[in-house]
Amino acid sequence: MTIQEDGYEEETYTIVGAAEANPRDGKISNESPIGKAILNHRAGDEVQVEAPDGSYKVRIIKIG
């Protein structure tokens, strides 16, 4: 999936299980704040990410 936070470049990630997560390799956990926020949404949606440092919005650019 490709996402973009306002004012930042697009970022591409693959959502995986917690045991496979490795953000440096672009693999984020389905249990992470971004992973949780994006599940069950589609391209074009804007979602609120609730992170330990505060919340922010990202737009889902592309899935798959």
PDB file of N, CA and C in Angstrom:
ATOM      1  N   MET A   1       0.831  -1.161   0.000  1.00  0.00           N
ATOM      2  CA  MET A   1       0.000   0.000   0.000  1.00  0.00           C
ATOM      3  C   MET A   1       0.880   1.230   0.000  1.00  0.00           C
ATOM      4  N   THR A   2       0.364   2.302  -0.568  1.00  0.00           N
ATOM      5  CA  THR A   2       1.078   3.575  -0.583  1.00  0.00           C
ATOM      6  C   THR A   2       0.213   4.594   0.141  1.00  0.00           C
ATOM      7  N   ILE A   3       0.829   5.326   1.077  1.00  0.00           N
ATOM      8  CA  ILE A   3       0.113   6.336   1.853  1.00  0.00           C
ATOM      9  C   ILE A   3       0.869   7.656   1.797  1.00  0.00           C
ATOM     10  N   GLN A   4       0.164   8.735   2.170  1.00  0.00           N
ATOM     11  CA  GLN A   4       0.829  10.035   2.229  1.00  0.00           C
ATOM     12  C   GLN A   4       0.217  10.860   3.350  1.00  0.00           C
ATOM     13  N   GLU A   5       1.101  11.384   4.176  1.00  0.00           N
ATOM     14  CA  GLU A   5       0.708  12.323   5.225  1.00  0.00           C
ATOM     15  C   GLU A   5       0.913  13.720   4.660  1.00  0.00           C
ATOM     16  N   ASP A   6       0.023  14.666   4.993  1.00  0.00           N
ATOM     17  CA  ASP A   6       0.142  16.030   4.479  1.00  0.00           C
ATOM     18  C   ASP A   6       1.539  16.588   4.694  1.00  0.00           C
ATOM     19  N   GLY A   7       2.109  17.141   3.642  1.00  0.00           N
ATOM     20  CA  GLY A   7       3.425  17.760   3.730  1.00  0.00           C
ATOM     21  C   GLY A   7       4.596  16.806   3.624  1.00  0.00           C
ATOM     22  N   TYR A   8       4.335  15.518   3.416  1.00  0.00           N
ATOM     23  CA  TYR A   8       5.397  14.518   3.336  1.00  0.00           C
ATOM     24  C   TYR A   8       5.315  13.744   2.025  1.00  0.00           C
ATOM     25  N   GLU A   9       6.405  13.102   1.672  1.00  0.00           N
ATOM     26  CA  GLU A   9       6.446  12.255   0.481  1.00  0.00           C
ATOM     27  C   GLU A   9       5.580  11.011   0.691  1.00  0.00           C
ATOM     28  N   GLU A  10       5.170  10.400  -0.403  1.00  0.00           N
ATOM     29  CA  GLU A  10       4.449   9.131  -0.330  1.00  0.00           C
ATOM     30  C   GLU A  10       5.371   8.062   0.248  1.00  0.00           C
ATOM     31  N   GLU A  11       4.782   7.129   0.989  1.00  0.00           N
ATOM     32  CA  GLU A  11       5.516   6.010   1.565  1.00  0.00           C
ATOM     33  C   GLU A  11       4.799   4.722   1.192  1.00  0.00           C
ATOM     34  N   THR A  12       5.562   3.694   0.877  1.00  0.00           N
ATOM     35  CA  THR A  12       4.978   2.412   0.497  1.00  0.00           C
ATOM     36  C   THR A  12       5.337   1.361   1.535  1.00  0.00           C
ATOM     37  N   TYR A  13       4.326   0.627   1.984  1.00  0.00           N
ATOM     38  CA  TYR A  13       4.495  -0.409   3.000  1.00  0.00           C
ATOM     39  C   TYR A  13       3.714  -1.653   2.613  1.00  0.00           C
ATOM     40  N   THR A  14       4.091  -2.758   3.211  1.00  0.00           N
ATOM     41  CA  THR A  14       3.326  -3.993   3.165  1.00  0.00           C
ATOM     42  C   THR A  14       2.885  -4.280   4.588  1.00  0.00           C
ATOM     43  N   ILE A  15       1.603  -4.579   4.779  1.00  0.00           N
ATOM     44  CA  ILE A  15       1.109  -4.916   6.116  1.00  0.00           C
ATOM     45  C   ILE A  15       1.287  -6.416   6.314  1.00  0.00           C
ATOM     46  N   VAL A  16       1.968  -6.761   7.409  1.00  0.00           N
ATOM     47  CA  VAL A  16       2.267  -8.155   7.734  1.00  0.00           C
ATOM     48  C   VAL A  16       1.905  -8.432   9.194  1.00  0.00           C
ATOM     49  N   GLY A  17       2.032  -9.677   9.615  1.00  0.00           N
ATOM     50  CA  GLY A  17       1.837 -10.022  11.012  1.00  0.00           C
ATOM     51  C   GLY A  17       2.965  -9.448  11.865  1.00  0.00           C
ATOM     52  N   ALA A  18       2.740  -9.364  13.151  1.00  0.00           N
ATOM     53  CA  ALA A  18       3.710  -8.754  14.068  1.00  0.00           C
ATOM     54  C   ALA A  18       5.086  -9.418  14.001  1.00  0.00           C
ATOM     55  N   ALA A  19       5.135 -10.722  13.841  1.00  0.00           N
ATOM     56  CA  ALA A  19       6.410 -11.439  13.815  1.00  0.00           C
ATOM     57  C   ALA A  19       7.238 -11.112  12.573  1.00  0.00           C
ATOM     58  N   GLU A  20       6.593 -10.691  11.488  1.00  0.00           N
ATOM     59  CA  GLU A  20       7.296 -10.399  10.238  1.00  0.00           C
ATOM     60  C   GLU A  20       7.632  -8.916  10.062  1.00  0.00           C
ATOM     61  N   ALA A  21       7.138  -8.078  10.953  1.00  0.00           N
ATOM     62  CA  ALA A  21       7.294  -6.628  10.799  1.00  0.00           C
ATOM     63  C   ALA A  21       8.760  -6.204  10.804  1.00  0.00           C
ATOM     64  N   ASN A  22       9.087  -5.308   9.881  1.00  0.00           N
ATOM     65  CA  ASN A  22      10.415  -4.722   9.792  1.00  0.00           C
ATOM     66  C   ASN A  22      10.268  -3.411   9.017  1.00  0.00           C
ATOM     67  N   PRO A  23       9.992  -2.301   9.731  1.00  0.00           N
ATOM     68  CA  PRO A  23       9.733  -1.031   9.048  1.00  0.00           C
ATOM     69  C   PRO A  23      10.850  -0.599   8.091  1.00  0.00           C
ATOM     70  N   ARG A  24      12.087  -0.934   8.391  1.00  0.00           N
ATOM     71  CA  ARG A  24      13.198  -0.563   7.488  1.00  0.00           C
ATOM     72  C   ARG A  24      13.077  -1.250   6.135  1.00  0.00           C
ATOM     73  N   ASP A  25      12.423  -2.413   6.120  1.00  0.00           N
ATOM     74  CA  ASP A  25      12.182  -3.136   4.868  1.00  0.00           C
ATOM     75  C   ASP A  25      10.799  -2.841   4.299  1.00  0.00           C
ATOM     76  N   GLY A  26      10.104  -1.869   4.882  1.00  0.00           N
ATOM     77  CA  GLY A  26       8.782  -1.496   4.382  1.00  0.00           C
ATOM     78  C   GLY A  26       7.677  -2.444   4.799  1.00  0.00           C
ATOM     79  N   LYS A  27       7.912  -3.216   5.860  1.00  0.00           N
ATOM     80  CA  LYS A  27       6.905  -4.158   6.363  1.00  0.00           C
ATOM     81  C   LYS A  27       6.432  -3.677   7.730  1.00  0.00           C
ATOM     82  N   ILE A  28       5.159  -3.311   7.820  1.00  0.00           N
ATOM     83  CA  ILE A  28       4.619  -2.852   9.101  1.00  0.00           C
ATOM     84  C   ILE A  28       3.556  -3.816   9.596  1.00  0.00           C
ATOM     85  N   SER A  29       3.470  -3.926  10.900  1.00  0.00           N
ATOM     86  CA  SER A  29       2.548  -4.862  11.542  1.00  0.00           C
ATOM     87  C   SER A  29       1.106  -4.403  11.396  1.00  0.00           C
ATOM     88  N   ASN A  30       0.223  -5.377  11.277  1.00  0.00           N
ATOM     89  CA  ASN A  30      -1.207  -5.076  11.288  1.00  0.00           C
ATOM     90  C   ASN A  30      -1.643  -4.577  12.663  1.00  0.00           C
ATOM     91  N   GLU A  31      -0.787  -4.705  13.669  1.00  0.00           N
ATOM     92  CA  GLU A  31      -1.082  -4.229  15.020  1.00  0.00           C
ATOM     93  C   GLU A  31      -0.484  -2.847  15.289  1.00  0.00           C
ATOM     94  N   SER A  32       0.293  -2.317  14.338  1.00  0.00           N
ATOM     95  CA  SER A  32       0.891  -0.989  14.501  1.00  0.00           C
ATOM     96  C   SER A  32      -0.191   0.082  14.319  1.00  0.00           C
ATOM     97  N   PRO A  33       0.055   1.302  14.782  1.00  0.00           N
ATOM     98  CA  PRO A  33      -0.953   2.360  14.605  1.00  0.00           C
ATOM     99  C   PRO A  33      -1.373   2.562  13.145  1.00  0.00           C
ATOM    100  N   ILE A  34      -0.414   2.589  12.226  1.00  0.00           N
ATOM    101  CA  ILE A  34      -0.779   2.763  10.814  1.00  0.00           C
ATOM    102  C   ILE A  34      -1.506   1.529  10.300  1.00  0.00           C
ATOM    103  N   GLY A  35      -0.999   0.356  10.621  1.00  0.00           N
ATOM    104  CA  GLY A  35      -1.636  -0.888  10.181  1.00  0.00           C
ATOM    105  C   GLY A  35      -3.078  -0.981  10.630  1.00  0.00           C
ATOM    106  N   LYS A  36      -3.336  -0.688  11.898  1.00  0.00           N
ATOM    107  CA  LYS A  36      -4.709  -0.724  12.428  1.00  0.00           C
ATOM    108  C   LYS A  36      -5.606   0.279  11.716  1.00  0.00           C
ATOM    109  N   ALA A  37      -5.092   1.481  11.488  1.00  0.00           N
ATOM    110  CA  ALA A  37      -5.901   2.544  10.886  1.00  0.00           C
ATOM    111  C   ALA A  37      -6.287   2.224   9.446  1.00  0.00           C
ATOM    112  N   ILE A  38      -5.408   1.573   8.715  1.00  0.00           N
ATOM    113  CA  ILE A  38      -5.622   1.366   7.285  1.00  0.00           C
ATOM    114  C   ILE A  38      -6.466   0.136   6.965  1.00  0.00           C
ATOM    115  N   LEU A  39      -6.443  -0.856   7.834  1.00  0.00           N
ATOM    116  CA  LEU A  39      -7.229  -2.068   7.570  1.00  0.00           C
ATOM    117  C   LEU A  39      -8.693  -1.715   7.312  1.00  0.00           C
ATOM    118  N   ASN A  40      -9.273  -2.379   6.335  1.00  0.00           N
ATOM    119  CA  ASN A  40     -10.677  -2.213   5.950  1.00  0.00           C
ATOM    120  C   ASN A  40     -10.980  -0.860   5.309  1.00  0.00           C
ATOM    121  N   HIS A  41      -9.956  -0.216   4.749  1.00  0.00           N
ATOM    122  CA  HIS A  41     -10.164   1.025   3.999  1.00  0.00           C
ATOM    123  C   HIS A  41      -9.668   0.809   2.580  1.00  0.00           C
ATOM    124  N   ARG A  42      -9.943   1.774   1.713  1.00  0.00           N
ATOM    125  CA  ARG A  42      -9.554   1.641   0.313  1.00  0.00           C
ATOM    126  C   ARG A  42      -8.823   2.878  -0.180  1.00  0.00           C
ATOM    127  N   ALA A  43      -8.261   2.774  -1.375  1.00  0.00           N
ATOM    128  CA  ALA A  43      -7.541   3.891  -1.981  1.00  0.00           C
ATOM    129  C   ALA A  43      -8.460   5.112  -2.052  1.00  0.00           C
ATOM    130  N   GLY A  44      -7.917   6.264  -1.711  1.00  0.00           N
ATOM    131  CA  GLY A  44      -8.676   7.512  -1.708  1.00  0.00           C
ATOM    132  C   GLY A  44      -9.196   7.890  -0.331  1.00  0.00           C
ATOM    133  N   ASP A  45      -9.262   6.920   0.582  1.00  0.00           N
ATOM    134  CA  ASP A  45      -9.728   7.207   1.943  1.00  0.00           C
ATOM    135  C   ASP A  45      -8.669   7.971   2.719  1.00  0.00           C
ATOM    136  N   GLU A  46      -9.126   8.841   3.598  1.00  0.00           N
ATOM    137  CA  GLU A  46      -8.239   9.511   4.546  1.00  0.00           C
ATOM    138  C   GLU A  46      -8.554   8.925   5.909  1.00  0.00           C
ATOM    139  N   VAL A  47      -7.533   8.453   6.617  1.00  0.00           N
ATOM    140  CA  VAL A  47      -7.737   7.787   7.899  1.00  0.00           C
ATOM    141  C   VAL A  47      -6.953   8.475   9.003  1.00  0.00           C
ATOM    142  N   GLN A  48      -7.471   8.395  10.207  1.00  0.00           N
ATOM    143  CA  GLN A  48      -6.841   8.956  11.395  1.00  0.00           C
ATOM    144  C   GLN A  48      -5.979   7.878  12.032  1.00  0.00           C
ATOM    145  N   VAL A  49      -4.711   8.176  12.247  1.00  0.00           N
ATOM    146  CA  VAL A  49      -3.776   7.250  12.881  1.00  0.00           C
ATOM    147  C   VAL A  49      -3.578   7.704  14.321  1.00  0.00           C
ATOM    148  N   GLU A  50      -3.855   6.824  15.269  1.00  0.00           N
ATOM    149  CA  GLU A  50      -3.692   7.123  16.691  1.00  0.00           C
ATOM    150  C   GLU A  50      -2.366   6.528  17.159  1.00  0.00           C
ATOM    151  N   ALA A  51      -1.344   7.367  17.251  1.00  0.00           N
ATOM    152  CA  ALA A  51      -0.006   6.919  17.628  1.00  0.00           C
ATOM    153  C   ALA A  51       0.337   7.397  19.038  1.00  0.00           C
ATOM    154  N   PRO A  52       1.331   6.793  19.683  1.00  0.00           N
ATOM    155  CA  PRO A  52       1.713   7.201  21.042  1.00  0.00           C
ATOM    156  C   PRO A  52       2.093   8.692  21.147  1.00  0.00           C
ATOM    157  N   ASP A  53       2.679   9.245  20.076  1.00  0.00           N
ATOM    158  CA  ASP A  53       3.086  10.654  20.097  1.00  0.00           C
ATOM    159  C   ASP A  53       1.975  11.606  19.671  1.00  0.00           C
ATOM    160  N   GLY A  54       0.789  11.094  19.395  1.00  0.00           N
ATOM    161  CA  GLY A  54      -0.337  11.920  18.962  1.00  0.00           C
ATOM    162  C   GLY A  54      -0.955  11.351  17.701  1.00  0.00           C
ATOM    163  N   SER A  55      -2.049  11.935  17.303  1.00  0.00           N
ATOM    164  CA  SER A  55      -2.751  11.428  16.129  1.00  0.00           C
ATOM    165  C   SER A  55      -2.434  12.287  14.907  1.00  0.00           C
ATOM    166  N   TYR A  56      -2.585  11.676  13.744  1.00  0.00           N
ATOM    167  CA  TYR A  56      -2.371  12.367  12.479  1.00  0.00           C
ATOM    168  C   TYR A  56      -3.169  11.647  11.398  1.00  0.00           C
ATOM    169  N   LYS A  57      -3.364  12.318  10.262  1.00  0.00           N
ATOM    170  CA  LYS A  57      -4.131  11.741   9.167  1.00  0.00           C
ATOM    171  C   LYS A  57      -3.203  11.367   8.023  1.00  0.00           C
ATOM    172  N   VAL A  58      -3.553  10.282   7.374  1.00  0.00           N
ATOM    173  CA  VAL A  58      -2.871   9.874   6.152  1.00  0.00           C
ATOM    174  C   VAL A  58      -3.925   9.560   5.094  1.00  0.00           C
ATOM    175  N   ARG A  59      -3.571   9.788   3.847  1.00  0.00           N
ATOM    176  CA  ARG A  59      -4.431   9.425   2.722  1.00  0.00           C
ATOM    177  C   ARG A  59      -3.866   8.156   2.101  1.00  0.00           C
ATOM    178  N   ILE A  60      -4.754   7.216   1.825  1.00  0.00           N
ATOM    179  CA  ILE A  60      -4.355   5.982   1.173  1.00  0.00           C
ATOM    180  C   ILE A  60      -4.333   6.250  -0.333  1.00  0.00           C
ATOM    181  N   ILE A  61      -3.159   6.174  -0.913  1.00  0.00           N
ATOM    182  CA  ILE A  61      -2.982   6.461  -2.335  1.00  0.00           C
ATOM    183  C   ILE A  61      -3.254   5.219  -3.179  1.00  0.00           C
ATOM    184  N   LYS A  62      -2.697   4.093  -2.761  1.00  0.00           N
ATOM    185  CA  LYS A  62      -2.792   2.874  -3.544  1.00  0.00           C
ATOM    186  C   LYS A  62      -2.728   1.666  -2.631  1.00  0.00           C
ATOM    187  N   ILE A  63      -3.514   0.657  -2.943  1.00  0.00           N
ATOM    188  CA  ILE A  63      -3.462  -0.611  -2.214  1.00  0.00           C
ATOM    189  C   ILE A  63      -3.079  -1.686  -3.203  1.00  0.00           C
ATOM    190  N   GLY A  64      -2.130  -2.500  -2.810  1.00  0.00           N
ATOM    191  CA  GLY A  64      -1.703  -3.602  -3.669  1.00  0.00           C
ATOM    192  C   GLY A  64      -0.500  -3.290  -4.486  1.00  0.00           C
TER     193      GLY A  64
END
